[in-house]
Amino acid sequence: MKFNVIIRMTALLIILTNIYYIPMIIFEIWQTGTFPLFISPVFLILIPAGLTLTVKFKNNVLLFCINVLGLIWNLFWLTIFMTAPEIG
């Protein structure tokens, strides 16, 4: 596989994993009226993911490293939220 394809796949995986958090945020805002701060770093990872999909930054190695770390961070929180028992 070409490096360009791997970079774009990691960026798309980050964007797809963030779709899971959207209903959680809507529910949290509806319940408490405040934005959940523990989700903020997860959405900050979307910035380098979006940049790697542009033509200017499509072969940037630094953004690829940030995206890989962001994908690991995203998958960590995704497994925590999906396997945690319900409270109440």
PDB file of N, CA and C in Angstrom:
ATOM      1  N   MET A   1       0.837  -1.185   0.000  1.00  0.00           N
ATOM      2  CA  MET A   1       0.000   0.000   0.000  1.00  0.00           C
ATOM      3  C   MET A   1       0.882   1.247   0.000  1.00  0.00           C
ATOM      4  N   LYS A   2       0.392   2.247  -0.627  1.00  0.00           N
ATOM      5  CA  LYS A   2       1.126   3.503  -0.632  1.00  0.00           C
ATOM      6  C   LYS A   2       0.934   4.220   0.688  1.00  0.00           C
ATOM      7  N   PHE A   3       1.917   5.016   1.041  1.00  0.00           N
ATOM      8  CA  PHE A   3       1.869   5.763   2.292  1.00  0.00           C
ATOM      9  C   PHE A   3       0.709   6.750   2.303  1.00  0.00           C
ATOM     10  N   ASN A   4       0.402   7.302   1.151  1.00  0.00           N
ATOM     11  CA  ASN A   4      -0.702   8.256   1.029  1.00  0.00           C
ATOM     12  C   ASN A   4      -2.037   7.600   1.395  1.00  0.00           C
ATOM     13  N   VAL A   5      -2.226   6.354   1.001  1.00  0.00           N
ATOM     14  CA  VAL A   5      -3.467   5.637   1.294  1.00  0.00           C
ATOM     15  C   VAL A   5      -3.567   5.350   2.791  1.00  0.00           C
ATOM     16  N   ILE A   6      -2.458   4.989   3.412  1.00  0.00           N
ATOM     17  CA  ILE A   6      -2.451   4.711   4.852  1.00  0.00           C
ATOM     18  C   ILE A   6      -2.777   5.970   5.646  1.00  0.00           C
ATOM     19  N   ILE A   7      -2.233   7.093   5.231  1.00  0.00           N
ATOM     20  CA  ILE A   7      -2.523   8.360   5.917  1.00  0.00           C
ATOM     21  C   ILE A   7      -4.006   8.684   5.829  1.00  0.00           C
ATOM     22  N   ARG A   8      -4.580   8.536   4.656  1.00  0.00           N
ATOM     23  CA  ARG A   8      -6.003   8.846   4.487  1.00  0.00           C
ATOM     24  C   ARG A   8      -6.892   7.860   5.245  1.00  0.00           C
ATOM     25  N   MET A   9      -6.475   6.602   5.337  1.00  0.00           N
ATOM     26  CA  MET A   9      -7.262   5.623   6.084  1.00  0.00           C
ATOM     27  C   MET A   9      -7.284   5.941   7.574  1.00  0.00           C
ATOM     28  N   THR A  10      -6.147   6.366   8.124  1.00  0.00           N
ATOM     29  CA  THR A  10      -6.142   6.726   9.544  1.00  0.00           C
ATOM     30  C   THR A  10      -7.015   7.948   9.798  1.00  0.00           C
ATOM     31  N   ALA A  11      -6.974   8.910   8.896  1.00  0.00           N
ATOM     32  CA  ALA A  11      -7.814  10.104   9.064  1.00  0.00           C
ATOM     33  C   ALA A  11      -9.291   9.747   8.982  1.00  0.00           C
ATOM     34  N   LEU A  12      -9.661   8.887   8.062  1.00  0.00           N
ATOM     35  CA  LEU A  12     -11.064   8.488   7.942  1.00  0.00           C
ATOM     36  C   LEU A  12     -11.510   7.652   9.137  1.00  0.00           C
ATOM     37  N   LEU A  13     -10.630   6.823   9.685  1.00  0.00           N
ATOM     38  CA  LEU A  13     -10.979   6.058  10.878  1.00  0.00           C
ATOM     39  C   LEU A  13     -11.220   6.972  12.077  1.00  0.00           C
ATOM     40  N   ILE A  14     -10.427   8.029  12.198  1.00  0.00           N
ATOM     41  CA  ILE A  14     -10.640   8.990  13.281  1.00  0.00           C
ATOM     42  C   ILE A  14     -12.003   9.659  13.127  1.00  0.00           C
ATOM     43  N   ILE A  15     -12.326  10.051  11.919  1.00  0.00           N
ATOM     44  CA  ILE A  15     -13.620  10.708  11.683  1.00  0.00           C
ATOM     45  C   ILE A  15     -14.770   9.747  11.954  1.00  0.00           C
ATOM     46  N   LEU A  16     -14.624   8.497  11.554  1.00  0.00           N
ATOM     47  CA  LEU A  16     -15.695   7.522  11.779  1.00  0.00           C
ATOM     48  C   LEU A  16     -15.861   7.182  13.258  1.00  0.00           C
ATOM     49  N   THR A  17     -14.772   7.110  14.006  1.00  0.00           N
ATOM     50  CA  THR A  17     -14.920   6.815  15.432  1.00  0.00           C
ATOM     51  C   THR A  17     -15.532   7.981  16.185  1.00  0.00           C
ATOM     52  N   ASN A  18     -15.398   9.186  15.685  1.00  0.00           N
ATOM     53  CA  ASN A  18     -15.997  10.335  16.359  1.00  0.00           C
ATOM     54  C   ASN A  18     -17.510  10.392  16.162  1.00  0.00           C
ATOM     55  N   ILE A  19     -18.039   9.659  15.214  1.00  0.00           N
ATOM     56  CA  ILE A  19     -19.487   9.626  15.025  1.00  0.00           C
ATOM     57  C   ILE A  19     -20.166   9.025  16.258  1.00  0.00           C
ATOM     58  N   TYR A  20     -19.481   8.117  16.952  1.00  0.00           N
ATOM     59  CA  TYR A  20     -20.042   7.487  18.149  1.00  0.00           C
ATOM     60  C   TYR A  20     -20.283   8.508  19.262  1.00  0.00           C
ATOM     61  N   TYR A  21     -19.449   9.519  19.340  1.00  0.00           N
ATOM     62  CA  TYR A  21     -19.527  10.470  20.445  1.00  0.00           C
ATOM     63  C   TYR A  21     -20.629  11.519  20.277  1.00  0.00           C
ATOM     64  N   ILE A  22     -21.146  11.701  19.087  1.00  0.00           N
ATOM     65  CA  ILE A  22     -22.143  12.747  18.847  1.00  0.00           C
ATOM     66  C   ILE A  22     -23.427  12.529  19.652  1.00  0.00           C
ATOM     67  N   PRO A  23     -24.033  11.322  19.668  1.00  0.00           N
ATOM     68  CA  PRO A  23     -25.219  11.145  20.516  1.00  0.00           C
ATOM     69  C   PRO A  23     -24.915  11.306  22.007  1.00  0.00           C
ATOM     70  N   MET A  24     -23.714  10.909  22.424  1.00  0.00           N
ATOM     71  CA  MET A  24     -23.336  11.080  23.829  1.00  0.00           C
ATOM     72  C   MET A  24     -23.309  12.550  24.211  1.00  0.00           C
ATOM     73  N   ILE A  25     -22.774  13.372  23.340  1.00  0.00           N
ATOM     74  CA  ILE A  25     -22.685  14.804  23.631  1.00  0.00           C
ATOM     75  C   ILE A  25     -24.078  15.427  23.644  1.00  0.00           C
ATOM     76  N   ILE A  26     -24.909  15.056  22.690  1.00  0.00           N
ATOM     77  CA  ILE A  26     -26.272  15.600  22.661  1.00  0.00           C
ATOM     78  C   ILE A  26     -27.026  15.207  23.928  1.00  0.00           C
ATOM     79  N   PHE A  27     -26.886  13.955  24.351  1.00  0.00           N
ATOM     80  CA  PHE A  27     -27.547  13.508  25.570  1.00  0.00           C
ATOM     81  C   PHE A  27     -27.006  14.230  26.795  1.00  0.00           C
ATOM     82  N   GLU A  28     -25.698  14.430  26.861  1.00  0.00           N
ATOM     83  CA  GLU A  28     -25.088  15.119  28.004  1.00  0.00           C
ATOM     84  C   GLU A  28     -25.533  16.581  28.071  1.00  0.00           C
ATOM     85  N   ILE A  29     -25.577  17.246  26.935  1.00  0.00           N
ATOM     86  CA  ILE A  29     -26.045  18.634  26.915  1.00  0.00           C
ATOM     87  C   ILE A  29     -27.516  18.701  27.306  1.00  0.00           C
ATOM     88  N   TRP A  30     -28.314  17.731  26.845  1.00  0.00           N
ATOM     89  CA  TRP A  30     -29.734  17.707  27.174  1.00  0.00           C
ATOM     90  C   TRP A  30     -29.961  17.436  28.658  1.00  0.00           C
ATOM     91  N   GLN A  31     -29.145  16.547  29.250  1.00  0.00           N
ATOM     92  CA  GLN A  31     -29.297  16.201  30.660  1.00  0.00           C
ATOM     93  C   GLN A  31     -28.808  17.307  31.592  1.00  0.00           C
ATOM     94  N   THR A  32     -27.594  17.809  31.340  1.00  0.00           N
ATOM     95  CA  THR A  32     -26.976  18.744  32.280  1.00  0.00           C
ATOM     96  C   THR A  32     -26.971  20.181  31.795  1.00  0.00           C
ATOM     97  N   GLY A  33     -27.061  20.398  30.508  1.00  0.00           N
ATOM     98  CA  GLY A  33     -27.013  21.747  29.974  1.00  0.00           C
ATOM     99  C   GLY A  33     -25.602  22.267  29.753  1.00  0.00           C
ATOM    100  N   THR A  34     -24.591  21.411  29.966  1.00  0.00           N
ATOM    101  CA  THR A  34     -23.203  21.826  29.769  1.00  0.00           C
ATOM    102  C   THR A  34     -22.528  20.890  28.781  1.00  0.00           C
ATOM    103  N   PHE A  35     -21.482  21.397  28.150  1.00  0.00           N
ATOM    104  CA  PHE A  35     -20.707  20.589  27.213  1.00  0.00           C
ATOM    105  C   PHE A  35     -19.757  19.707  28.005  1.00  0.00           C
ATOM    106  N   PRO A  36     -19.698  18.403  27.735  1.00  0.00           N
ATOM    107  CA  PRO A  36     -18.808  17.520  28.490  1.00  0.00           C
ATOM    108  C   PRO A  36     -17.343  17.769  28.142  1.00  0.00           C
ATOM    109  N   LEU A  37     -16.571  18.168  29.124  1.00  0.00           N
ATOM    110  CA  LEU A  37     -15.172  18.525  28.877  1.00  0.00           C
ATOM    111  C   LEU A  37     -14.288  17.315  28.600  1.00  0.00           C
ATOM    112  N   PHE A  38     -14.695  16.123  29.038  1.00  0.00           N
ATOM    113  CA  PHE A  38     -13.866  14.950  28.784  1.00  0.00           C
ATOM    114  C   PHE A  38     -13.890  14.534  27.320  1.00  0.00           C
ATOM    115  N   ILE A  39     -14.831  15.051  26.554  1.00  0.00           N
ATOM    116  CA  ILE A  39     -14.908  14.727  25.130  1.00  0.00           C
ATOM    117  C   ILE A  39     -14.123  15.732  24.288  1.00  0.00           C
ATOM    118  N   SER A  40     -13.813  16.891  24.822  1.00  0.00           N
ATOM    119  CA  SER A  40     -13.129  17.941  24.056  1.00  0.00           C
ATOM    120  C   SER A  40     -11.831  17.486  23.405  1.00  0.00           C
ATOM    121  N   PRO A  41     -10.932  16.768  24.115  1.00  0.00           N
ATOM    122  CA  PRO A  41      -9.704  16.325  23.428  1.00  0.00           C
ATOM    123  C   PRO A  41      -9.976  15.369  22.280  1.00  0.00           C
ATOM    124  N   VAL A  42     -11.039  14.616  22.368  1.00  0.00           N
ATOM    125  CA  VAL A  42     -11.371  13.687  21.287  1.00  0.00           C
ATOM    126  C   VAL A  42     -11.715  14.458  20.022  1.00  0.00           C
ATOM    127  N   PHE A  43     -12.431  15.567  20.171  1.00  0.00           N
ATOM    128  CA  PHE A  43     -12.784  16.355  18.999  1.00  0.00           C
ATOM    129  C   PHE A  43     -11.624  17.207  18.487  1.00  0.00           C
ATOM    130  N   LEU A  44     -10.645  17.504  19.331  1.00  0.00           N
ATOM    131  CA  LEU A  44      -9.465  18.221  18.854  1.00  0.00           C
ATOM    132  C   LEU A  44      -8.640  17.362  17.895  1.00  0.00           C
ATOM    133  N   ILE A  45      -8.791  16.063  17.994  1.00  0.00           N
ATOM    134  CA  ILE A  45      -8.084  15.157  17.093  1.00  0.00           C
ATOM    135  C   ILE A  45      -8.642  15.261  15.667  1.00  0.00           C
ATOM    136  N   LEU A  46      -9.853  15.774  15.537  1.00  0.00           N
ATOM    137  CA  LEU A  46     -10.445  15.932  14.206  1.00  0.00           C
ATOM    138  C   LEU A  46      -9.712  16.963  13.353  1.00  0.00           C
ATOM    139  N   ILE A  47      -9.053  17.920  13.982  1.00  0.00           N
ATOM    140  CA  ILE A  47      -8.359  18.967  13.219  1.00  0.00           C
ATOM    141  C   ILE A  47      -7.230  18.393  12.374  1.00  0.00           C
ATOM    142  N   PRO A  48      -6.271  17.631  12.955  1.00  0.00           N
ATOM    143  CA  PRO A  48      -5.249  17.067  12.063  1.00  0.00           C
ATOM    144  C   PRO A  48      -5.797  16.012  11.111  1.00  0.00           C
ATOM    145  N   ALA A  49      -6.865  15.325  11.510  1.00  0.00           N
ATOM    146  CA  ALA A  49      -7.465  14.345  10.593  1.00  0.00           C
ATOM    147  C   ALA A  49      -8.057  15.048   9.372  1.00  0.00           C
ATOM    148  N   GLY A  50      -8.706  16.168   9.602  1.00  0.00           N
ATOM    149  CA  GLY A  50      -9.253  16.930   8.478  1.00  0.00           C
ATOM    150  C   GLY A  50      -8.167  17.542   7.613  1.00  0.00           C
ATOM    151  N   LEU A  51      -7.077  17.966   8.247  1.00  0.00           N
ATOM    152  CA  LEU A  51      -5.981  18.556   7.471  1.00  0.00           C
ATOM    153  C   LEU A  51      -5.312  17.539   6.561  1.00  0.00           C
ATOM    154  N   THR A  52      -5.205  16.291   6.997  1.00  0.00           N
ATOM    155  CA  THR A  52      -4.551  15.296   6.150  1.00  0.00           C
ATOM    156  C   THR A  52      -5.392  14.927   4.940  1.00  0.00           C
ATOM    157  N   LEU A  53      -6.668  15.239   4.961  1.00  0.00           N
ATOM    158  CA  LEU A  53      -7.497  14.964   3.794  1.00  0.00           C
ATOM    159  C   LEU A  53      -7.393  16.050   2.733  1.00  0.00           C
ATOM    160  N   THR A  54      -6.740  17.170   3.073  1.00  0.00           N
ATOM    161  CA  THR A  54      -6.549  18.229   2.083  1.00  0.00           C
ATOM    162  C   THR A  54      -5.326  17.926   1.225  1.00  0.00           C
ATOM    163  N   VAL A  55      -5.220  18.595   0.111  1.00  0.00           N
ATOM    164  CA  VAL A  55      -4.119  18.351  -0.831  1.00  0.00           C
ATOM    165  C   VAL A  55      -2.796  18.855  -0.270  1.00  0.00           C
ATOM    166  N   LYS A  56      -2.814  19.944   0.471  1.00  0.00           N
ATOM    167  CA  LYS A  56      -1.585  20.568   0.954  1.00  0.00           C
ATOM    168  C   LYS A  56      -0.842  19.679   1.959  1.00  0.00           C
ATOM    169  N   PHE A  57      -1.571  18.954   2.813  1.00  0.00           N
ATOM    170  CA  PHE A  57      -0.950  18.183   3.874  1.00  0.00           C
ATOM    171  C   PHE A  57      -1.089  16.675   3.689  1.00  0.00           C
ATOM    172  N   LYS A  58      -1.323  16.209   2.469  1.00  0.00           N
ATOM    173  CA  LYS A  58      -1.645  14.801   2.287  1.00  0.00           C
ATOM    174  C   LYS A  58      -0.469  13.855   2.531  1.00  0.00           C
ATOM    175  N   ASN A  59       0.764  14.304   2.461  1.00  0.00           N
ATOM    176  CA  ASN A  59       1.927  13.446   2.709  1.00  0.00           C
ATOM    177  C   ASN A  59       2.755  13.912   3.896  1.00  0.00           C
ATOM    178  N   ASN A  60       2.138  14.592   4.840  1.00  0.00           N
ATOM    179  CA  ASN A  60       2.849  15.115   5.996  1.00  0.00           C
ATOM    180  C   ASN A  60       3.029  14.006   7.037  1.00  0.00           C
ATOM    181  N   VAL A  61       4.281  13.701   7.359  1.00  0.00           N
ATOM    182  CA  VAL A  61       4.584  12.620   8.290  1.00  0.00           C
ATOM    183  C   VAL A  61       4.219  13.013   9.719  1.00  0.00           C
ATOM    184  N   LEU A  62       4.403  14.273  10.075  1.00  0.00           N
ATOM    185  CA  LEU A  62       4.060  14.724  11.422  1.00  0.00           C
ATOM    186  C   LEU A  62       2.567  14.578  11.685  1.00  0.00           C
ATOM    187  N   LEU A  63       1.745  14.964  10.730  1.00  0.00           N
ATOM    188  CA  LEU A  63       0.302  14.797  10.896  1.00  0.00           C
ATOM    189  C   LEU A  63      -0.085  13.318  10.939  1.00  0.00           C
ATOM    190  N   PHE A  64       0.652  12.487  10.230  1.00  0.00           N
ATOM    191  CA  PHE A  64       0.391  11.057  10.295  1.00  0.00           C
ATOM    192  C   PHE A  64       0.668  10.522  11.700  1.00  0.00           C
ATOM    193  N   CYS A  65       1.767  10.950  12.305  1.00  0.00           N
ATOM    194  CA  CYS A  65       2.086  10.523  13.676  1.00  0.00           C
ATOM    195  C   CYS A  65       1.034  11.018  14.665  1.00  0.00           C
ATOM    196  N   ILE A  66       0.599  12.255  14.498  1.00  0.00           N
ATOM    197  CA  ILE A  66      -0.457  12.795  15.366  1.00  0.00           C
ATOM    198  C   ILE A  66      -1.750  12.019  15.168  1.00  0.00           C
ATOM    199  N   ASN A  67      -2.055  11.653  13.934  1.00  0.00           N
ATOM    200  CA  ASN A  67      -3.267  10.889  13.658  1.00  0.00           C
ATOM    201  C   ASN A  67      -3.206   9.481  14.247  1.00  0.00           C
ATOM    202  N   VAL A  68      -2.049   8.859  14.198  1.00  0.00           N
ATOM    203  CA  VAL A  68      -1.931   7.517  14.784  1.00  0.00           C
ATOM    204  C   VAL A  68      -2.114   7.592  16.294  1.00  0.00           C
ATOM    205  N   LEU A  69      -1.484   8.573  16.936  1.00  0.00           N
ATOM    206  CA  LEU A  69      -1.678   8.742  18.376  1.00  0.00           C
ATOM    207  C   LEU A  69      -3.133   9.085  18.700  1.00  0.00           C
ATOM    208  N   GLY A  70      -3.745   9.917  17.880  1.00  0.00           N
ATOM    209  CA  GLY A  70      -5.143  10.270  18.072  1.00  0.00           C
ATOM    210  C   GLY A  70      -6.072   9.085  17.871  1.00  0.00           C
ATOM    211  N   LEU A  71      -5.748   8.228  16.925  1.00  0.00           N
ATOM    212  CA  LEU A  71      -6.563   7.040  16.697  1.00  0.00           C
ATOM    213  C   LEU A  71      -6.463   6.083  17.885  1.00  0.00           C
ATOM    214  N   ILE A  72      -5.273   5.932  18.433  1.00  0.00           N
ATOM    215  CA  ILE A  72      -5.108   5.098  19.628  1.00  0.00           C
ATOM    216  C   ILE A  72      -5.905   5.685  20.787  1.00  0.00           C
ATOM    217  N   TRP A  73      -5.829   6.996  20.973  1.00  0.00           N
ATOM    218  CA  TRP A  73      -6.566   7.679  22.038  1.00  0.00           C
ATOM    219  C   TRP A  73      -8.077   7.515  21.828  1.00  0.00           C
ATOM    220  N   ASN A  74      -8.517   7.672  20.602  1.00  0.00           N
ATOM    221  CA  ASN A  74      -9.932   7.534  20.274  1.00  0.00           C
ATOM    222  C   ASN A  74     -10.427   6.117  20.542  1.00  0.00           C
ATOM    223  N   LEU A  75      -9.668   5.131  20.116  1.00  0.00           N
ATOM    224  CA  LEU A  75     -10.072   3.747  20.314  1.00  0.00           C
ATOM    225  C   LEU A  75     -10.054   3.365  21.786  1.00  0.00           C
ATOM    226  N   PHE A  76      -9.140   3.943  22.560  1.00  0.00           N
ATOM    227  CA  PHE A  76      -9.121   3.717  24.008  1.00  0.00           C
ATOM    228  C   PHE A  76     -10.424   4.183  24.635  1.00  0.00           C
ATOM    229  N   TRP A  77     -10.823   5.426  24.365  1.00  0.00           N
ATOM    230  CA  TRP A  77     -12.060   5.944  24.945  1.00  0.00           C
ATOM    231  C   TRP A  77     -13.289   5.241  24.399  1.00  0.00           C
ATOM    232  N   LEU A  78     -13.226   4.826  23.159  1.00  0.00           N
ATOM    233  CA  LEU A  78     -14.349   4.100  22.580  1.00  0.00           C
ATOM    234  C   LEU A  78     -14.561   2.770  23.298  1.00  0.00           C
ATOM    235  N   THR A  79     -13.481   2.060  23.586  1.00  0.00           N
ATOM    236  CA  THR A  79     -13.635   0.796  24.313  1.00  0.00           C
ATOM    237  C   THR A  79     -14.060   1.033  25.748  1.00  0.00           C
ATOM    238  N   ILE A  80     -13.589   2.109  26.372  1.00  0.00           N
ATOM    239  CA  ILE A  80     -14.005   2.402  27.735  1.00  0.00           C
ATOM    240  C   ILE A  80     -15.511   2.677  27.775  1.00  0.00           C
ATOM    241  N   PHE A  81     -16.009   3.494  26.866  1.00  0.00           N
ATOM    242  CA  PHE A  81     -17.422   3.843  26.873  1.00  0.00           C
ATOM    243  C   PHE A  81     -18.321   2.686  26.452  1.00  0.00           C
ATOM    244  N   MET A  82     -17.831   1.822  25.588  1.00  0.00           N
ATOM    245  CA  MET A  82     -18.674   0.724  25.131  1.00  0.00           C
ATOM    246  C   MET A  82     -18.699  -0.440  26.104  1.00  0.00           C
ATOM    247  N   THR A  83     -17.670  -0.593  26.937  1.00  0.00           N
ATOM    248  CA  THR A  83     -17.625  -1.726  27.854  1.00  0.00           C
ATOM    249  C   THR A  83     -17.966  -1.351  29.292  1.00  0.00           C
ATOM    250  N   ALA A  84     -18.124  -0.078  29.571  1.00  0.00           N
ATOM    251  CA  ALA A  84     -18.452   0.346  30.936  1.00  0.00           C
ATOM    252  C   ALA A  84     -19.894  -0.032  31.273  1.00  0.00           C
ATOM    253  N   PRO A  85     -20.110  -0.485  32.495  1.00  0.00           N
ATOM    254  CA  PRO A  85     -21.493  -0.805  32.877  1.00  0.00           C
ATOM    255  C   PRO A  85     -22.322   0.460  33.063  1.00  0.00           C
ATOM    256  N   GLU A  86     -23.609   0.333  32.848  1.00  0.00           N
ATOM    257  CA  GLU A  86     -24.493   1.486  33.011  1.00  0.00           C
ATOM    258  C   GLU A  86     -24.667   1.809  34.489  1.00  0.00           C
ATOM    259  N   ILE A  87     -24.747   3.078  34.775  1.00  0.00           N
ATOM    260  CA  ILE A  87     -24.964   3.536  36.134  1.00  0.00           C
ATOM    261  C   ILE A  87     -26.401   4.051  36.225  1.00  0.00           C
ATOM    262  N   GLY A  88     -27.115   3.535  37.154  1.00  0.00           N
ATOM    263  CA  GLY A  88     -28.480   4.006  37.376  1.00  0.00           C
ATOM    264  C   GLY A  88     -29.411   3.364  36.474  1.00  0.00           C
TER     265      GLY A  88
END
